[in-house]
Amino acid sequence: VGKVEIVLADGGASDQLTAIPAMAIFDARAGEGFVYLAKENDGNLTAALQLVTIERIDGESALISGGIAEGDQIIVSRIDRIKPDSLIRLARP
């Protein structure tokens, strides 16, 4: 799990995009992909699979228009080793 800052792209309220690291997305096709979110579950942190809507890839960032909310913690590393409901722990700098 890495630390990520979610930045809203320029635009009106109806077309705001959220920039996330492109490396956090997997199984992308036809404008959609998946990310893992860190969610609290019975006092533990687990990985939750979340479908996101991808508007475009801009360098190392993916611009997302749906599927994540403010405050969501996106898992950005070792996603190839995670499965839904896997126990996780946050890396501290």
PDB file of N, CA and C in Angstrom:
ATOM      1  N   VAL A   1       0.863  -1.159   0.000  1.00  0.00           N
ATOM      2  CA  VAL A   1       0.000   0.000   0.000  1.00  0.00           C
ATOM      3  C   VAL A   1       0.904   1.214   0.000  1.00  0.00           C
ATOM      4  N   GLY A   2       0.598   2.170  -0.830  1.00  0.00           N
ATOM      5  CA  GLY A   2       1.382   3.389  -0.891  1.00  0.00           C
ATOM      6  C   GLY A   2       0.527   4.582  -0.539  1.00  0.00           C
ATOM      7  N   LYS A   3       1.166   5.702  -0.392  1.00  0.00           N
ATOM      8  CA  LYS A   3       0.446   6.939  -0.112  1.00  0.00           C
ATOM      9  C   LYS A   3       0.193   7.631  -1.429  1.00  0.00           C
ATOM     10  N   VAL A   4      -1.028   8.098  -1.640  1.00  0.00           N
ATOM     11  CA  VAL A   4      -1.382   8.759  -2.886  1.00  0.00           C
ATOM     12  C   VAL A   4      -2.206   9.996  -2.562  1.00  0.00           C
ATOM     13  N   GLU A   5      -1.976  11.034  -3.325  1.00  0.00           N
ATOM     14  CA  GLU A   5      -2.778  12.244  -3.192  1.00  0.00           C
ATOM     15  C   GLU A   5      -3.753  12.270  -4.344  1.00  0.00           C
ATOM     16  N   ILE A   6      -5.024  12.408  -4.056  1.00  0.00           N
ATOM     17  CA  ILE A   6      -6.043  12.462  -5.091  1.00  0.00           C
ATOM     18  C   ILE A   6      -6.252  13.919  -5.463  1.00  0.00           C
ATOM     19  N   VAL A   7      -6.075  14.211  -6.745  1.00  0.00           N
ATOM     20  CA  VAL A   7      -6.179  15.571  -7.245  1.00  0.00           C
ATOM     21  C   VAL A   7      -7.327  15.643  -8.233  1.00  0.00           C
ATOM     22  N   LEU A   8      -8.204  16.609  -8.048  1.00  0.00           N
ATOM     23  CA  LEU A   8      -9.290  16.794  -8.991  1.00  0.00           C
ATOM     24  C   LEU A   8      -8.780  17.586 -10.180  1.00  0.00           C
ATOM     25  N   ALA A   9      -9.053  17.089 -11.380  1.00  0.00           N
ATOM     26  CA  ALA A   9      -8.637  17.770 -12.590  1.00  0.00           C
ATOM     27  C   ALA A   9      -9.500  18.992 -12.818  1.00  0.00           C
ATOM     28  N   ASP A  10      -8.998  19.935 -13.635  1.00  0.00           N
ATOM     29  CA  ASP A  10      -9.765  21.126 -13.965  1.00  0.00           C
ATOM     30  C   ASP A  10     -11.047  20.751 -14.676  1.00  0.00           C
ATOM     31  N   GLY A  11     -12.069  21.545 -14.483  1.00  0.00           N
ATOM     32  CA  GLY A  11     -13.344  21.314 -15.151  1.00  0.00           C
ATOM     33  C   GLY A  11     -14.483  21.696 -14.245  1.00  0.00           C
ATOM     34  N   GLY A  12     -15.674  21.694 -14.789  1.00  0.00           N
ATOM     35  CA  GLY A  12     -16.861  22.017 -14.011  1.00  0.00           C
ATOM     36  C   GLY A  12     -17.215  20.889 -13.075  1.00  0.00           C
ATOM     37  N   ALA A  13     -18.145  21.158 -12.175  1.00  0.00           N
ATOM     38  CA  ALA A  13     -18.535  20.163 -11.176  1.00  0.00           C
ATOM     39  C   ALA A  13     -19.071  18.896 -11.812  1.00  0.00           C
ATOM     40  N   SER A  14     -19.705  19.012 -12.983  1.00  0.00           N
ATOM     41  CA  SER A  14     -20.306  17.836 -13.598  1.00  0.00           C
ATOM     42  C   SER A  14     -19.282  16.944 -14.292  1.00  0.00           C
ATOM     43  N   ASP A  15     -18.085  17.496 -14.574  1.00  0.00           N
ATOM     44  CA  ASP A  15     -17.104  16.672 -15.279  1.00  0.00           C
ATOM     45  C   ASP A  15     -15.783  16.591 -14.532  1.00  0.00           C
ATOM     46  N   GLN A  16     -15.830  16.611 -13.195  1.00  0.00           N
ATOM     47  CA  GLN A  16     -14.604  16.503 -12.418  1.00  0.00           C
ATOM     48  C   GLN A  16     -14.038  15.098 -12.529  1.00  0.00           C
ATOM     49  N   LEU A  17     -12.723  15.062 -12.667  1.00  0.00           N
ATOM     50  CA  LEU A  17     -12.017  13.794 -12.759  1.00  0.00           C
ATOM     51  C   LEU A  17     -11.072  13.682 -11.583  1.00  0.00           C
ATOM     52  N   THR A  18     -10.806  12.474 -11.165  1.00  0.00           N
ATOM     53  CA  THR A  18      -9.865  12.204 -10.090  1.00  0.00           C
ATOM     54  C   THR A  18      -8.650  11.518 -10.684  1.00  0.00           C
ATOM     55  N   ALA A  19      -7.467  12.053 -10.385  1.00  0.00           N
ATOM     56  CA  ALA A  19      -6.224  11.457 -10.870  1.00  0.00           C
ATOM     57  C   ALA A  19      -5.717  10.454  -9.842  1.00  0.00           C
ATOM     58  N   ILE A  20      -5.443   9.237 -10.296  1.00  0.00           N
ATOM     59  CA  ILE A  20      -4.844   8.211  -9.440  1.00  0.00           C
ATOM     60  C   ILE A  20      -3.659   7.618 -10.205  1.00  0.00           C
ATOM     61  N   PRO A  21      -2.727   6.957  -9.520  1.00  0.00           N
ATOM     62  CA  PRO A  21      -1.621   6.323 -10.240  1.00  0.00           C
ATOM     63  C   PRO A  21      -2.151   5.250 -11.190  1.00  0.00           C
ATOM     64  N   ALA A  22      -1.702   5.311 -12.436  1.00  0.00           N
ATOM     65  CA  ALA A  22      -2.149   4.339 -13.432  1.00  0.00           C
ATOM     66  C   ALA A  22      -1.774   2.916 -13.025  1.00  0.00           C
ATOM     67  N   MET A  23      -0.684   2.761 -12.283  1.00  0.00           N
ATOM     68  CA  MET A  23      -0.238   1.427 -11.877  1.00  0.00           C
ATOM     69  C   MET A  23      -1.199   0.749 -10.891  1.00  0.00           C
ATOM     70  N   ALA A  24      -2.132   1.508 -10.328  1.00  0.00           N
ATOM     71  CA  ALA A  24      -3.096   0.932  -9.387  1.00  0.00           C
ATOM     72  C   ALA A  24      -4.237   0.216 -10.099  1.00  0.00           C
ATOM     73  N   ILE A  25      -4.378   0.444 -11.413  1.00  0.00           N
ATOM     74  CA  ILE A  25      -5.499  -0.122 -12.176  1.00  0.00           C
ATOM     75  C   ILE A  25      -5.092  -1.437 -12.820  1.00  0.00           C
ATOM     76  N   PHE A  26      -5.999  -2.397 -12.805  1.00  0.00           N
ATOM     77  CA  PHE A  26      -5.739  -3.666 -13.492  1.00  0.00           C
ATOM     78  C   PHE A  26      -7.011  -4.133 -14.189  1.00  0.00           C
ATOM     79  N   ASP A  27      -6.848  -5.090 -15.092  1.00  0.00           N
ATOM     80  CA  ASP A  27      -7.959  -5.628 -15.891  1.00  0.00           C
ATOM     81  C   ASP A  27      -8.762  -4.525 -16.568  1.00  0.00           C
ATOM     82  N   ALA A  28      -8.052  -3.545 -17.127  1.00  0.00           N
ATOM     83  CA  ALA A  28      -8.713  -2.421 -17.792  1.00  0.00           C
ATOM     84  C   ALA A  28      -9.120  -2.805 -19.207  1.00  0.00           C
ATOM     85  N   ARG A  29     -10.321  -2.384 -19.579  1.00  0.00           N
ATOM     86  CA  ARG A  29     -10.815  -2.547 -20.945  1.00  0.00           C
ATOM     87  C   ARG A  29     -12.061  -1.700 -21.131  1.00  0.00           C
ATOM     88  N   ALA A  30     -12.202  -1.158 -22.313  1.00  0.00           N
ATOM     89  CA  ALA A  30     -13.386  -0.388 -22.709  1.00  0.00           C
ATOM     90  C   ALA A  30     -13.761   0.711 -21.703  1.00  0.00           C
ATOM     91  N   GLY A  31     -12.764   1.455 -21.235  1.00  0.00           N
ATOM     92  CA  GLY A  31     -13.045   2.573 -20.346  1.00  0.00           C
ATOM     93  C   GLY A  31     -13.316   2.214 -18.906  1.00  0.00           C
ATOM     94  N   GLU A  32     -13.097   0.971 -18.531  1.00  0.00           N
ATOM     95  CA  GLU A  32     -13.290   0.544 -17.144  1.00  0.00           C
ATOM     96  C   GLU A  32     -12.092  -0.282 -16.701  1.00  0.00           C
ATOM     97  N   GLY A  33     -11.909  -0.356 -15.421  1.00  0.00           N
ATOM     98  CA  GLY A  33     -10.851  -1.169 -14.834  1.00  0.00           C
ATOM     99  C   GLY A  33     -11.151  -1.357 -13.362  1.00  0.00           C
ATOM    100  N   PHE A  34     -10.268  -2.047 -12.685  1.00  0.00           N
ATOM    101  CA  PHE A  34     -10.445  -2.326 -11.266  1.00  0.00           C
ATOM    102  C   PHE A  34      -9.289  -1.763 -10.468  1.00  0.00           C
ATOM    103  N   VAL A  35      -9.579  -1.375  -9.251  1.00  0.00           N
ATOM    104  CA  VAL A  35      -8.574  -1.021  -8.252  1.00  0.00           C
ATOM    105  C   VAL A  35      -8.938  -1.746  -6.967  1.00  0.00           C
ATOM    106  N   TYR A  36      -7.975  -1.841  -6.076  1.00  0.00           N
ATOM    107  CA  TYR A  36      -8.250  -2.335  -4.730  1.00  0.00           C
ATOM    108  C   TYR A  36      -8.265  -1.145  -3.786  1.00  0.00           C
ATOM    109  N   LEU A  37      -9.258  -1.115  -2.930  1.00  0.00           N
ATOM    110  CA  LEU A  37      -9.357  -0.104  -1.891  1.00  0.00           C
ATOM    111  C   LEU A  37      -9.088  -0.760  -0.544  1.00  0.00           C
ATOM    112  N   ALA A  38      -8.449  -0.024   0.350  1.00  0.00           N
ATOM    113  CA  ALA A  38      -8.254  -0.490   1.720  1.00  0.00           C
ATOM    114  C   ALA A  38      -9.514  -0.145   2.504  1.00  0.00           C
ATOM    115  N   LYS A  39     -10.191  -1.155   3.015  1.00  0.00           N
ATOM    116  CA  LYS A  39     -11.442  -0.959   3.762  1.00  0.00           C
ATOM    117  C   LYS A  39     -11.329  -1.609   5.135  1.00  0.00           C
ATOM    118  N   GLU A  40     -11.931  -0.957   6.126  1.00  0.00           N
ATOM    119  CA  GLU A  40     -11.963  -1.550   7.461  1.00  0.00           C
ATOM    120  C   GLU A  40     -13.069  -2.589   7.514  1.00  0.00           C
ATOM    121  N   ASN A  41     -12.749  -3.755   8.063  1.00  0.00           N
ATOM    122  CA  ASN A  41     -13.686  -4.856   8.133  1.00  0.00           C
ATOM    123  C   ASN A  41     -13.474  -5.574   9.467  1.00  0.00           C
ATOM    124  N   ASP A  42     -14.379  -5.400  10.398  1.00  0.00           N
ATOM    125  CA  ASP A  42     -14.276  -6.018  11.729  1.00  0.00           C
ATOM    126  C   ASP A  42     -12.953  -5.694  12.410  1.00  0.00           C
ATOM    127  N   GLY A  43     -12.516  -4.432  12.307  1.00  0.00           N
ATOM    128  CA  GLY A  43     -11.285  -4.009  12.968  1.00  0.00           C
ATOM    129  C   GLY A  43     -10.016  -4.295  12.193  1.00  0.00           C
ATOM    130  N   ASN A  44     -10.127  -4.947  11.057  1.00  0.00           N
ATOM    131  CA  ASN A  44      -8.973  -5.241  10.212  1.00  0.00           C
ATOM    132  C   ASN A  44      -9.081  -4.468   8.910  1.00  0.00           C
ATOM    133  N   LEU A  45      -7.945  -4.236   8.262  1.00  0.00           N
ATOM    134  CA  LEU A  45      -7.957  -3.657   6.928  1.00  0.00           C
ATOM    135  C   LEU A  45      -7.927  -4.782   5.908  1.00  0.00           C
ATOM    136  N   THR A  46      -8.833  -4.715   4.962  1.00  0.00           N
ATOM    137  CA  THR A  46      -8.880  -5.711   3.900  1.00  0.00           C
ATOM    138  C   THR A  46      -8.916  -5.019   2.543  1.00  0.00           C
ATOM    139  N   ALA A  47      -8.601  -5.764   1.512  1.00  0.00           N
ATOM    140  CA  ALA A  47      -8.631  -5.252   0.146  1.00  0.00           C
ATOM    141  C   ALA A  47     -10.024  -5.469  -0.429  1.00  0.00           C
ATOM    142  N   ALA A  48     -10.605  -4.386  -0.933  1.00  0.00           N
ATOM    143  CA  ALA A  48     -11.931  -4.456  -1.542  1.00  0.00           C
ATOM    144  C   ALA A  48     -11.802  -4.128  -3.023  1.00  0.00           C
ATOM    145  N   LEU A  49     -12.319  -4.987  -3.860  1.00  0.00           N
ATOM    146  CA  LEU A  49     -12.289  -4.789  -5.303  1.00  0.00           C
ATOM    147  C   LEU A  49     -13.288  -3.702  -5.679  1.00  0.00           C
ATOM    148  N   GLN A  50     -12.858  -2.756  -6.526  1.00  0.00           N
ATOM    149  CA  GLN A  50     -13.731  -1.653  -6.918  1.00  0.00           C
ATOM    150  C   GLN A  50     -13.589  -1.375  -8.409  1.00  0.00           C
ATOM    151  N   LEU A  51     -14.714  -1.355  -9.119  1.00  0.00           N
ATOM    152  CA  LEU A  51     -14.755  -0.999 -10.535  1.00  0.00           C
ATOM    153  C   LEU A  51     -14.678   0.518 -10.659  1.00  0.00           C
ATOM    154  N   VAL A  52     -13.819   1.007 -11.563  1.00  0.00           N
ATOM    155  CA  VAL A  52     -13.704   2.446 -11.804  1.00  0.00           C
ATOM    156  C   VAL A  52     -13.909   2.734 -13.285  1.00  0.00           C
ATOM    157  N   THR A  53     -14.354   3.960 -13.570  1.00  0.00           N
ATOM    158  CA  THR A  53     -14.532   4.411 -14.941  1.00  0.00           C
ATOM    159  C   THR A  53     -13.322   5.249 -15.318  1.00  0.00           C
ATOM    160  N   ILE A  54     -12.613   4.811 -16.364  1.00  0.00           N
ATOM    161  CA  ILE A  54     -11.386   5.482 -16.792  1.00  0.00           C
ATOM    162  C   ILE A  54     -11.717   6.401 -17.961  1.00  0.00           C
ATOM    163  N   GLU A  55     -11.430   7.682 -17.779  1.00  0.00           N
ATOM    164  CA  GLU A  55     -11.641   8.638 -18.867  1.00  0.00           C
ATOM    165  C   GLU A  55     -10.435   8.683 -19.793  1.00  0.00           C
ATOM    166  N   ARG A  56      -9.239   8.721 -19.200  1.00  0.00           N
ATOM    167  CA  ARG A  56      -8.026   8.696 -20.012  1.00  0.00           C
ATOM    168  C   ARG A  56      -6.811   8.463 -19.121  1.00  0.00           C
ATOM    169  N   ILE A  57      -5.731   8.036 -19.768  1.00  0.00           N
ATOM    170  CA  ILE A  57      -4.444   7.884 -19.097  1.00  0.00           C
ATOM    171  C   ILE A  57      -3.600   9.083 -19.511  1.00  0.00           C
ATOM    172  N   ASP A  58      -3.028   9.768 -18.531  1.00  0.00           N
ATOM    173  CA  ASP A  58      -2.242  10.964 -18.783  1.00  0.00           C
ATOM    174  C   ASP A  58      -0.885  10.770 -18.112  1.00  0.00           C
ATOM    175  N   GLY A  59       0.077  10.226 -18.871  1.00  0.00           N
ATOM    176  CA  GLY A  59       1.385   9.935 -18.292  1.00  0.00           C
ATOM    177  C   GLY A  59       1.279   8.801 -17.292  1.00  0.00           C
ATOM    178  N   GLU A  60       1.694   9.056 -16.062  1.00  0.00           N
ATOM    179  CA  GLU A  60       1.652   8.025 -15.022  1.00  0.00           C
ATOM    180  C   GLU A  60       0.357   8.059 -14.222  1.00  0.00           C
ATOM    181  N   SER A  61      -0.555   8.946 -14.606  1.00  0.00           N
ATOM    182  CA  SER A  61      -1.834   9.071 -13.908  1.00  0.00           C
ATOM    183  C   SER A  61      -2.981   8.591 -14.782  1.00  0.00           C
ATOM    184  N   ALA A  62      -3.985   8.051 -14.125  1.00  0.00           N
ATOM    185  CA  ALA A  62      -5.234   7.696 -14.799  1.00  0.00           C
ATOM    186  C   ALA A  62      -6.283   8.664 -14.283  1.00  0.00           C
ATOM    187  N   LEU A  63      -7.065   9.218 -15.194  1.00  0.00           N
ATOM    188  CA  LEU A  63      -8.128  10.139 -14.808  1.00  0.00           C
ATOM    189  C   LEU A  63      -9.432   9.366 -14.729  1.00  0.00           C
ATOM    190  N   ILE A  64     -10.008   9.326 -13.537  1.00  0.00           N
ATOM    191  CA  ILE A  64     -11.165   8.492 -13.212  1.00  0.00           C
ATOM    192  C   ILE A  64     -12.386   9.390 -13.024  1.00  0.00           C
ATOM    193  N   SER A  65     -13.512   8.981 -13.621  1.00  0.00           N
ATOM    194  CA  SER A  65     -14.739   9.766 -13.456  1.00  0.00           C
ATOM    195  C   SER A  65     -15.763   9.082 -12.552  1.00  0.00           C
ATOM    196  N   GLY A  66     -15.530   7.873 -12.141  1.00  0.00           N
ATOM    197  CA  GLY A  66     -16.486   7.201 -11.272  1.00  0.00           C
ATOM    198  C   GLY A  66     -15.899   5.979 -10.605  1.00  0.00           C
ATOM    199  N   GLY A  67     -16.455   5.624  -9.455  1.00  0.00           N
ATOM    200  CA  GLY A  67     -16.066   4.394  -8.772  1.00  0.00           C
ATOM    201  C   GLY A  67     -15.304   4.605  -7.484  1.00  0.00           C
ATOM    202  N   ILE A  68     -14.750   5.799  -7.286  1.00  0.00           N
ATOM    203  CA  ILE A  68     -14.057   6.073  -6.030  1.00  0.00           C
ATOM    204  C   ILE A  68     -14.595   7.369  -5.449  1.00  0.00           C
ATOM    205  N   ALA A  69     -14.461   7.495  -4.142  1.00  0.00           N
ATOM    206  CA  ALA A  69     -14.979   8.663  -3.434  1.00  0.00           C
ATOM    207  C   ALA A  69     -13.860   9.328  -2.648  1.00  0.00           C
ATOM    208  N   GLU A  70     -14.084  10.559  -2.273  1.00  0.00           N
ATOM    209  CA  GLU A  70     -13.120  11.280  -1.463  1.00  0.00           C
ATOM    210  C   GLU A  70     -12.845  10.489  -0.192  1.00  0.00           C
ATOM    211  N   GLY A  71     -11.588  10.343   0.145  1.00  0.00           N
ATOM    212  CA  GLY A  71     -11.194   9.614   1.345  1.00  0.00           C
ATOM    213  C   GLY A  71     -10.883   8.144   1.120  1.00  0.00           C
ATOM    214  N   ASP A  72     -11.237   7.595  -0.050  1.00  0.00           N
ATOM    215  CA  ASP A  72     -10.894   6.200  -0.343  1.00  0.00           C
ATOM    216  C   ASP A  72      -9.381   6.033  -0.370  1.00  0.00           C
ATOM    217  N   GLN A  73      -8.904   4.938   0.183  1.00  0.00           N
ATOM    218  CA  GLN A  73      -7.484   4.617   0.159  1.00  0.00           C
ATOM    219  C   GLN A  73      -7.259   3.561  -0.919  1.00  0.00           C
ATOM    220  N   ILE A  74      -6.538   3.947  -1.959  1.00  0.00           N
ATOM    221  CA  ILE A  74      -6.290   3.073  -3.099  1.00  0.00           C
ATOM    222  C   ILE A  74      -4.968   2.359  -2.896  1.00  0.00           C
ATOM    223  N   ILE A  75      -4.982   1.052  -3.064  1.00  0.00           N
ATOM    224  CA  ILE A  75      -3.762   0.258  -2.955  1.00  0.00           C
ATOM    225  C   ILE A  75      -3.005   0.392  -4.271  1.00  0.00           C
ATOM    226  N   VAL A  76      -1.734   0.779  -4.190  1.00  0.00           N
ATOM    227  CA  VAL A  76      -0.971   1.056  -5.405  1.00  0.00           C
ATOM    228  C   VAL A  76       0.234   0.143  -5.612  1.00  0.00           C
ATOM    229  N   SER A  77       0.543  -0.705  -4.672  1.00  0.00           N
ATOM    230  CA  SER A  77       1.684  -1.592  -4.862  1.00  0.00           C
ATOM    231  C   SER A  77       1.304  -3.032  -4.529  1.00  0.00           C
ATOM    232  N   ARG A  78       2.008  -3.938  -5.171  1.00  0.00           N
ATOM    233  CA  ARG A  78       1.806  -5.379  -4.973  1.00  0.00           C
ATOM    234  C   ARG A  78       0.384  -5.829  -5.284  1.00  0.00           C
ATOM    235  N   ILE A  79      -0.284  -5.138  -6.186  1.00  0.00           N
ATOM    236  CA  ILE A  79      -1.662  -5.510  -6.496  1.00  0.00           C
ATOM    237  C   ILE A  79      -1.742  -6.870  -7.160  1.00  0.00           C
ATOM    238  N   ASP A  80      -0.628  -7.341  -7.724  1.00  0.00           N
ATOM    239  CA  ASP A  80      -0.616  -8.670  -8.332  1.00  0.00           C
ATOM    240  C   ASP A  80      -0.655  -9.778  -7.279  1.00  0.00           C
ATOM    241  N   ARG A  81      -0.415  -9.440  -6.023  1.00  0.00           N
ATOM    242  CA  ARG A  81      -0.399 -10.434  -4.937  1.00  0.00           C
ATOM    243  C   ARG A  81      -1.638 -10.365  -4.053  1.00  0.00           C
ATOM    244  N   ILE A  82      -2.544  -9.464  -4.374  1.00  0.00           N
ATOM    245  CA  ILE A  82      -3.722  -9.249  -3.537  1.00  0.00           C
ATOM    246  C   ILE A  82      -4.937  -9.907  -4.169  1.00  0.00           C
ATOM    247  N   LYS A  83      -5.805 -10.381  -3.328  1.00  0.00           N
ATOM    248  CA  LYS A  83      -7.107 -10.913  -3.742  1.00  0.00           C
ATOM    249  C   LYS A  83      -8.171 -10.193  -2.924  1.00  0.00           C
ATOM    250  N   PRO A  84      -9.406 -10.150  -3.416  1.00  0.00           N
ATOM    251  CA  PRO A  84     -10.458  -9.520  -2.619  1.00  0.00           C
ATOM    252  C   PRO A  84     -10.525 -10.120  -1.213  1.00  0.00           C
ATOM    253  N   ASP A  85     -10.701  -9.260  -0.242  1.00  0.00           N
ATOM    254  CA  ASP A  85     -10.790  -9.604   1.187  1.00  0.00           C
ATOM    255  C   ASP A  85      -9.472 -10.032   1.814  1.00  0.00           C
ATOM    256  N   SER A  86      -8.348  -9.865   1.087  1.00  0.00           N
ATOM    257  CA  SER A  86      -7.034 -10.141   1.693  1.00  0.00           C
ATOM    258  C   SER A  86      -6.799  -9.163   2.832  1.00  0.00           C
ATOM    259  N   LEU A  87      -6.218  -9.651   3.924  1.00  0.00           N
ATOM    260  CA  LEU A  87      -5.817  -8.752   5.007  1.00  0.00           C
ATOM    261  C   LEU A  87      -4.616  -7.943   4.527  1.00  0.00           C
ATOM    262  N   ILE A  88      -4.611  -6.655   4.820  1.00  0.00           N
ATOM    263  CA  ILE A  88      -3.509  -5.790   4.416  1.00  0.00           C
ATOM    264  C   ILE A  88      -3.089  -4.936   5.597  1.00  0.00           C
ATOM    265  N   ARG A  89      -1.949  -4.292   5.458  1.00  0.00           N
ATOM    266  CA  ARG A  89      -1.536  -3.289   6.438  1.00  0.00           C
ATOM    267  C   ARG A  89      -0.934  -2.137   5.666  1.00  0.00           C
ATOM    268  N   LEU A  90      -1.123  -0.957   6.201  1.00  0.00           N
ATOM    269  CA  LEU A  90      -0.627   0.241   5.541  1.00  0.00           C
ATOM    270  C   LEU A  90       0.846   0.414   5.822  1.00  0.00           C
ATOM    271  N   ALA A  91       1.595   0.772   4.791  1.00  0.00           N
ATOM    272  CA  ALA A  91       3.008   1.085   4.945  1.00  0.00           C
ATOM    273  C   ALA A  91       3.121   2.483   5.513  1.00  0.00           C
ATOM    274  N   ARG A  92       3.953   2.671   6.468  1.00  0.00           N
ATOM    275  CA  ARG A  92       4.156   3.995   7.057  1.00  0.00           C
ATOM    276  C   ARG A  92       5.535   4.486   6.647  1.00  0.00           C
ATOM    277  N   PRO A  93       5.619   5.748   6.167  1.00  0.00           N
ATOM    278  CA  PRO A  93       6.929   6.293   5.764  1.00  0.00           C
ATOM    279  C   PRO A  93       7.836   6.514   6.931  1.00  0.00           C
TER     280      PRO A  93
END
